[in-house]
Amino acid sequence: MTPEQRADLERRRRQKNWAVLGILIALVILFFFISTARVLRG
């Protein structure tokens, strides 16, 4: 594997990791708001 291919692979892996992190954070925020709404609603 050439250094250019390795750098491209690492760049794509890093982008994928950031995307997964963003999705996880969005889910945590969504669950927080759903839980808060359920508690306040009674």
C-alpha atoms as a PDB file:
ATOM      1  CA  MET A   1       0.000   0.000   0.000  1.00  0.00           C
ATOM      2  CA  THR A   2       1.442   3.325  -1.017  1.00  0.00           C
ATOM      3  CA  PRO A   3       1.674   6.233   1.428  1.00  0.00           C
ATOM      4  CA  GLU A   4      -0.968   8.100  -0.591  1.00  0.00           C
ATOM      5  CA  GLN A   5      -3.391   5.184  -0.334  1.00  0.00           C
ATOM      6  CA  ARG A   6      -2.726   4.841   3.389  1.00  0.00           C
ATOM      7  CA  ALA A   7      -3.321   8.570   3.945  1.00  0.00           C
ATOM      8  CA  ASP A   8      -6.571   8.395   1.961  1.00  0.00           C
ATOM      9  CA  LEU A   9      -7.722   5.370   3.963  1.00  0.00           C
ATOM     10  CA  GLU A  10      -6.962   7.099   7.267  1.00  0.00           C
ATOM     11  CA  ARG A  11      -8.740  10.262   6.114  1.00  0.00           C
ATOM     12  CA  ARG A  12     -11.870   8.306   5.154  1.00  0.00           C
ATOM     13  CA  ARG A  13     -11.768   6.381   8.452  1.00  0.00           C
ATOM     14  CA  ARG A  14     -11.492   9.642  10.393  1.00  0.00           C
ATOM     15  CA  GLN A  15     -14.464  11.117   8.503  1.00  0.00           C
ATOM     16  CA  LYS A  16     -16.511   8.005   9.219  1.00  0.00           C
ATOM     17  CA  ASN A  17     -15.624   8.179  12.912  1.00  0.00           C
ATOM     18  CA  TRP A  18     -16.735  11.837  13.084  1.00  0.00           C
ATOM     19  CA  ALA A  19     -20.005  10.923  11.351  1.00  0.00           C
ATOM     20  CA  VAL A  20     -20.683   8.135  13.861  1.00  0.00           C
ATOM     21  CA  LEU A  21     -19.866  10.494  16.731  1.00  0.00           C
ATOM     22  CA  GLY A  22     -22.305  13.073  15.337  1.00  0.00           C
ATOM     23  CA  ILE A  23     -25.064  10.477  15.078  1.00  0.00           C
ATOM     24  CA  LEU A  24     -24.454   9.283  18.638  1.00  0.00           C
ATOM     25  CA  ILE A  25     -24.547  12.829  20.006  1.00  0.00           C
ATOM     26  CA  ALA A  26     -27.768  13.509  18.086  1.00  0.00           C
ATOM     27  CA  LEU A  27     -29.342  10.368  19.574  1.00  0.00           C
ATOM     28  CA  VAL A  28     -28.303  11.337  23.102  1.00  0.00           C
ATOM     29  CA  ILE A  29     -29.844  14.791  22.648  1.00  0.00           C
ATOM     30  CA  LEU A  30     -33.015  13.276  21.184  1.00  0.00           C
ATOM     31  CA  PHE A  31     -33.401  10.823  24.074  1.00  0.00           C
ATOM     32  CA  PHE A  32     -32.751  13.617  26.569  1.00  0.00           C
ATOM     33  CA  PHE A  33     -35.528  15.769  25.115  1.00  0.00           C
ATOM     34  CA  ILE A  34     -37.938  12.839  24.890  1.00  0.00           C
ATOM     35  CA  SER A  35     -37.246  11.897  28.516  1.00  0.00           C
ATOM     36  CA  THR A  36     -37.615  15.492  29.663  1.00  0.00           C
ATOM     37  CA  ALA A  37     -40.922  15.854  27.818  1.00  0.00           C
ATOM     38  CA  ARG A  38     -42.258  12.648  29.351  1.00  0.00           C
ATOM     39  CA  VAL A  39     -41.279  13.705  32.879  1.00  0.00           C
ATOM     40  CA  LEU A  40     -42.768  17.182  32.515  1.00  0.00           C
ATOM     41  CA  ARG A  41     -45.947  15.789  30.971  1.00  0.00           C
ATOM     42  CA  GLY A  42     -46.479  13.491  33.904  1.00  0.00           C
END
